[in-house]
Amino acid sequence: MGYLEEIKARGRDANPFMKHMGIEVESFGGGHCQLSTTVGPSMLNGQGWLQGGLYVALCDEAMALALYTAIKEGELIATISESTDYLRGVREGRVVATGLVRRSGRRVAFTEGCLHEGSADGPLLSQTRASFLIIRQKDR
């Protein structure tokens, strides 16, 4: 069973990080993805804000799942580079990460992720851009 089938069948339980962080898979398909989680005390930094690495990790998961919906079955991906702009902090409540495939070539794909407070239309917390290597079966 491939990763997308696992996600469809088991949701976040198919991904150990998502399970650990309480990330819910809300929707995915056609180069898009939406994930959410509730900010808890163990996710905060020493000043009481959502730790910055989690902004990146949430967007990375959303972008990767979006990309998996746009590549061929059996292909794998690996992050090449990633850059995040932090726009505002959050201390509690629900956050929503969206991922979008902007462009996909034969070997490299370019994606965008956003983290919002409350809902996908809520205040923008961060924007992440990433490039991923597409690993074909014959390349392994």
C-alpha atoms as a PDB file:
ATOM      1  CA  MET A   1       0.000   0.000   0.000  1.00  0.00           C
ATOM      2  CA  GLY A   2       1.393   3.411  -0.995  1.00  0.00           C
ATOM      3  CA  TYR A   3       1.593   6.482   1.224  1.00  0.00           C
ATOM      4  CA  LEU A   4      -1.560   8.135  -0.172  1.00  0.00           C
ATOM      5  CA  GLU A   5      -3.556   4.937   0.332  1.00  0.00           C
ATOM      6  CA  GLU A   6      -2.229   4.730   3.898  1.00  0.00           C
ATOM      7  CA  ILE A   7      -3.294   8.324   4.570  1.00  0.00           C
ATOM      8  CA  LYS A   8      -6.735   7.653   3.074  1.00  0.00           C
ATOM      9  CA  ALA A   9      -7.167   4.522   5.173  1.00  0.00           C
ATOM     10  CA  ARG A  10      -5.534   5.567   8.454  1.00  0.00           C
ATOM     11  CA  GLY A  11      -5.318   9.366   8.399  1.00  0.00           C
ATOM     12  CA  ARG A  12      -2.630  10.780  10.649  1.00  0.00           C
ATOM     13  CA  ASP A  13      -1.835   7.320  12.043  1.00  0.00           C
ATOM     14  CA  ALA A  14      -0.039   6.584   8.753  1.00  0.00           C
ATOM     15  CA  ASN A  15       2.603   9.198   9.624  1.00  0.00           C
ATOM     16  CA  PRO A  16       4.384   8.942  13.009  1.00  0.00           C
ATOM     17  CA  PHE A  17       5.138  12.685  13.168  1.00  0.00           C
ATOM     18  CA  MET A  18       1.526  13.639  12.414  1.00  0.00           C
ATOM     19  CA  LYS A  19       0.303  11.194  15.044  1.00  0.00           C
ATOM     20  CA  HIS A  20       2.756  12.526  17.642  1.00  0.00           C
ATOM     21  CA  MET A  21       1.807  16.158  16.959  1.00  0.00           C
ATOM     22  CA  GLY A  22      -1.943  15.513  16.799  1.00  0.00           C
ATOM     23  CA  ILE A  23      -2.109  16.696  13.187  1.00  0.00           C
ATOM     24  CA  GLU A  24      -5.419  16.012  11.439  1.00  0.00           C
ATOM     25  CA  VAL A  25      -5.518  15.409   7.681  1.00  0.00           C
ATOM     26  CA  GLU A  26      -8.442  17.536   6.529  1.00  0.00           C
ATOM     27  CA  SER A  27      -8.169  17.263   2.756  1.00  0.00           C
ATOM     28  CA  PHE A  28      -5.717  16.429  -0.014  1.00  0.00           C
ATOM     29  CA  GLY A  29      -5.714  15.872  -3.756  1.00  0.00           C
ATOM     30  CA  GLY A  30      -4.808  17.502  -7.050  1.00  0.00           C
ATOM     31  CA  GLY A  31      -1.652  19.165  -5.738  1.00  0.00           C
ATOM     32  CA  HIS A  32      -3.349  20.635  -2.648  1.00  0.00           C
ATOM     33  CA  CYS A  33      -3.430  19.648   1.023  1.00  0.00           C
ATOM     34  CA  GLN A  34      -4.883  20.990   4.263  1.00  0.00           C
ATOM     35  CA  LEU A  35      -3.801  19.851   7.735  1.00  0.00           C
ATOM     36  CA  SER A  36      -4.660  21.165  11.198  1.00  0.00           C
ATOM     37  CA  THR A  37      -3.651  20.783  14.826  1.00  0.00           C
ATOM     38  CA  THR A  38      -4.314  22.409  18.160  1.00  0.00           C
ATOM     39  CA  VAL A  39      -1.432  24.265  19.775  1.00  0.00           C
ATOM     40  CA  GLY A  40      -0.633  22.642  23.104  1.00  0.00           C
ATOM     41  CA  PRO A  41       1.739  23.499  25.956  1.00  0.00           C
ATOM     42  CA  SER A  42       4.421  21.048  24.747  1.00  0.00           C
ATOM     43  CA  MET A  43       4.608  22.937  21.406  1.00  0.00           C
ATOM     44  CA  LEU A  44       5.538  26.285  22.945  1.00  0.00           C
ATOM     45  CA  ASN A  45       8.966  27.841  23.248  1.00  0.00           C
ATOM     46  CA  GLY A  46      10.349  29.403  26.436  1.00  0.00           C
ATOM     47  CA  GLN A  47       8.433  32.636  25.821  1.00  0.00           C
ATOM     48  CA  GLY A  48       5.100  30.889  25.345  1.00  0.00           C
ATOM     49  CA  TRP A  49       4.852  31.090  21.534  1.00  0.00           C
ATOM     50  CA  LEU A  50       4.437  28.199  19.089  1.00  0.00           C
ATOM     51  CA  GLN A  51       8.007  27.062  18.462  1.00  0.00           C
ATOM     52  CA  GLY A  52       9.253  28.264  15.067  1.00  0.00           C
ATOM     53  CA  GLY A  53      10.345  24.850  13.846  1.00  0.00           C
ATOM     54  CA  LEU A  54       6.766  23.654  14.130  1.00  0.00           C
ATOM     55  CA  TYR A  55       5.615  26.360  11.708  1.00  0.00           C
ATOM     56  CA  VAL A  56       8.055  24.882   9.207  1.00  0.00           C
ATOM     57  CA  ALA A  57       7.245  21.261  10.033  1.00  0.00           C
ATOM     58  CA  LEU A  58       3.490  21.769   9.641  1.00  0.00           C
ATOM     59  CA  CYS A  59       3.941  23.473   6.274  1.00  0.00           C
ATOM     60  CA  ASP A  60       6.505  20.866   5.192  1.00  0.00           C
ATOM     61  CA  GLU A  61       4.033  18.060   5.889  1.00  0.00           C
ATOM     62  CA  ALA A  62       1.262  19.887   3.994  1.00  0.00           C
ATOM     63  CA  MET A  63       3.510  20.617   1.007  1.00  0.00           C
ATOM     64  CA  ALA A  64       4.843  17.055   0.889  1.00  0.00           C
ATOM     65  CA  LEU A  65       1.364  15.522   1.005  1.00  0.00           C
ATOM     66  CA  ALA A  66       0.189  17.949  -1.683  1.00  0.00           C
ATOM     67  CA  LEU A  67       3.143  16.889  -3.835  1.00  0.00           C
ATOM     68  CA  TYR A  68       2.446  13.189  -3.308  1.00  0.00           C
ATOM     69  CA  THR A  69      -0.943  13.794  -4.932  1.00  0.00           C
ATOM     70  CA  ALA A  70       0.784  15.240  -8.021  1.00  0.00           C
ATOM     71  CA  ILE A  71       3.513  12.670  -8.687  1.00  0.00           C
ATOM     72  CA  LYS A  72       3.369   9.163 -10.135  1.00  0.00           C
ATOM     73  CA  GLU A  73       2.711   6.154  -7.946  1.00  0.00           C
ATOM     74  CA  GLY A  74       5.954   4.694  -6.645  1.00  0.00           C
ATOM     75  CA  GLU A  75       7.891   7.957  -6.843  1.00  0.00           C
ATOM     76  CA  LEU A  76       9.391   9.359  -3.667  1.00  0.00           C
ATOM     77  CA  ILE A  77      10.316  12.905  -2.680  1.00  0.00           C
ATOM     78  CA  ALA A  78      13.021  14.590  -0.641  1.00  0.00           C
ATOM     79  CA  THR A  79      13.214  18.221   0.415  1.00  0.00           C
ATOM     80  CA  ILE A  80      16.034  20.092  -1.342  1.00  0.00           C
ATOM     81  CA  SER A  81      15.557  23.544   0.178  1.00  0.00           C
ATOM     82  CA  GLU A  82      13.039  25.356   2.313  1.00  0.00           C
ATOM     83  CA  SER A  83      12.545  28.965   3.405  1.00  0.00           C
ATOM     84  CA  THR A  84       9.998  30.332   5.865  1.00  0.00           C
ATOM     85  CA  ASP A  85       8.825  33.867   6.586  1.00  0.00           C
ATOM     86  CA  TYR A  86       7.325  34.242  10.069  1.00  0.00           C
ATOM     87  CA  LEU A  87       4.588  36.873  10.099  1.00  0.00           C
ATOM     88  CA  ARG A  88       2.967  36.557  13.501  1.00  0.00           C
ATOM     89  CA  GLY A  89       3.016  34.412  16.618  1.00  0.00           C
ATOM     90  CA  VAL A  90       0.384  32.196  18.160  1.00  0.00           C
ATOM     91  CA  ARG A  91       0.107  30.848  21.714  1.00  0.00           C
ATOM     92  CA  GLU A  92      -2.968  28.629  21.638  1.00  0.00           C
ATOM     93  CA  GLY A  93      -5.871  27.404  19.547  1.00  0.00           C
ATOM     94  CA  ARG A  94      -6.174  25.717  16.200  1.00  0.00           C
ATOM     95  CA  VAL A  95      -3.713  26.244  13.349  1.00  0.00           C
ATOM     96  CA  VAL A  96      -4.223  25.187   9.740  1.00  0.00           C
ATOM     97  CA  ALA A  97      -1.410  24.371   7.304  1.00  0.00           C
ATOM     98  CA  THR A  98      -2.075  24.396   3.582  1.00  0.00           C
ATOM     99  CA  GLY A  99       0.222  23.038   0.902  1.00  0.00           C
ATOM    100  CA  LEU A 100       0.167  23.739  -2.814  1.00  0.00           C
ATOM    101  CA  VAL A 101       2.293  22.476  -5.701  1.00  0.00           C
ATOM    102  CA  ARG A 102       3.243  25.557  -7.727  1.00  0.00           C
ATOM    103  CA  ARG A 103       5.263  23.818 -10.427  1.00  0.00           C
ATOM    104  CA  SER A 104       6.488  20.299 -10.970  1.00  0.00           C
ATOM    105  CA  GLY A 105       9.102  19.234 -13.456  1.00  0.00           C
ATOM    106  CA  ARG A 106      10.588  15.816 -14.151  1.00  0.00           C
ATOM    107  CA  ARG A 107      13.089  15.968 -11.282  1.00  0.00           C
ATOM    108  CA  VAL A 108      12.204  18.979  -9.121  1.00  0.00           C
ATOM    109  CA  ALA A 109       8.925  20.369  -7.766  1.00  0.00           C
ATOM    110  CA  PHE A 110       8.278  23.776  -6.224  1.00  0.00           C
ATOM    111  CA  THR A 111       5.711  24.130  -3.474  1.00  0.00           C
ATOM    112  CA  GLU A 112       4.204  26.727  -1.162  1.00  0.00           C
ATOM    113  CA  GLY A 113       2.838  26.295   2.338  1.00  0.00           C
ATOM    114  CA  CYS A 114       0.941  28.658   4.598  1.00  0.00           C
ATOM    115  CA  LEU A 115       0.081  28.435   8.272  1.00  0.00           C
ATOM    116  CA  HIS A 116      -3.079  30.197   9.427  1.00  0.00           C
ATOM    117  CA  GLU A 117      -4.645  30.755  12.818  1.00  0.00           C
ATOM    118  CA  GLY A 118      -8.097  29.241  13.348  1.00  0.00           C
ATOM    119  CA  SER A 119      -8.991  28.326   9.756  1.00  0.00           C
ATOM    120  CA  ALA A 120      -7.516  28.409   6.253  1.00  0.00           C
ATOM    121  CA  ASP A 121      -9.006  31.915   5.947  1.00  0.00           C
ATOM    122  CA  GLY A 122      -7.721  33.059   9.348  1.00  0.00           C
ATOM    123  CA  PRO A 123      -4.778  35.336  10.053  1.00  0.00           C
ATOM    124  CA  LEU A 124      -1.621  34.314   8.189  1.00  0.00           C
ATOM    125  CA  LEU A 125       1.109  33.169  10.578  1.00  0.00           C
ATOM    126  CA  SER A 126       3.826  32.091   8.144  1.00  0.00           C
ATOM    127  CA  GLN A 127       4.641  31.359   4.512  1.00  0.00           C
ATOM    128  CA  THR A 128       7.032  28.619   3.433  1.00  0.00           C
ATOM    129  CA  ARG A 129       8.465  27.817   0.024  1.00  0.00           C
ATOM    130  CA  ALA A 130      10.236  24.566  -0.701  1.00  0.00           C
ATOM    131  CA  SER A 131      11.748  22.625  -3.553  1.00  0.00           C
ATOM    132  CA  PHE A 132      11.607  18.842  -3.587  1.00  0.00           C
ATOM    133  CA  LEU A 133      13.596  16.252  -5.509  1.00  0.00           C
ATOM    134  CA  ILE A 134      11.357  13.721  -7.258  1.00  0.00           C
ATOM    135  CA  ILE A 135      12.972  10.292  -7.004  1.00  0.00           C
ATOM    136  CA  ARG A 136      11.883   7.893  -9.716  1.00  0.00           C
ATOM    137  CA  GLN A 137      11.976   4.133  -9.193  1.00  0.00           C
ATOM    138  CA  LYS A 138      14.817   3.708 -11.692  1.00  0.00           C
ATOM    139  CA  ASP A 139      16.899   6.304  -9.743  1.00  0.00           C
ATOM    140  CA  ARG A 140      16.871   4.270  -6.518  1.00  0.00           C
END
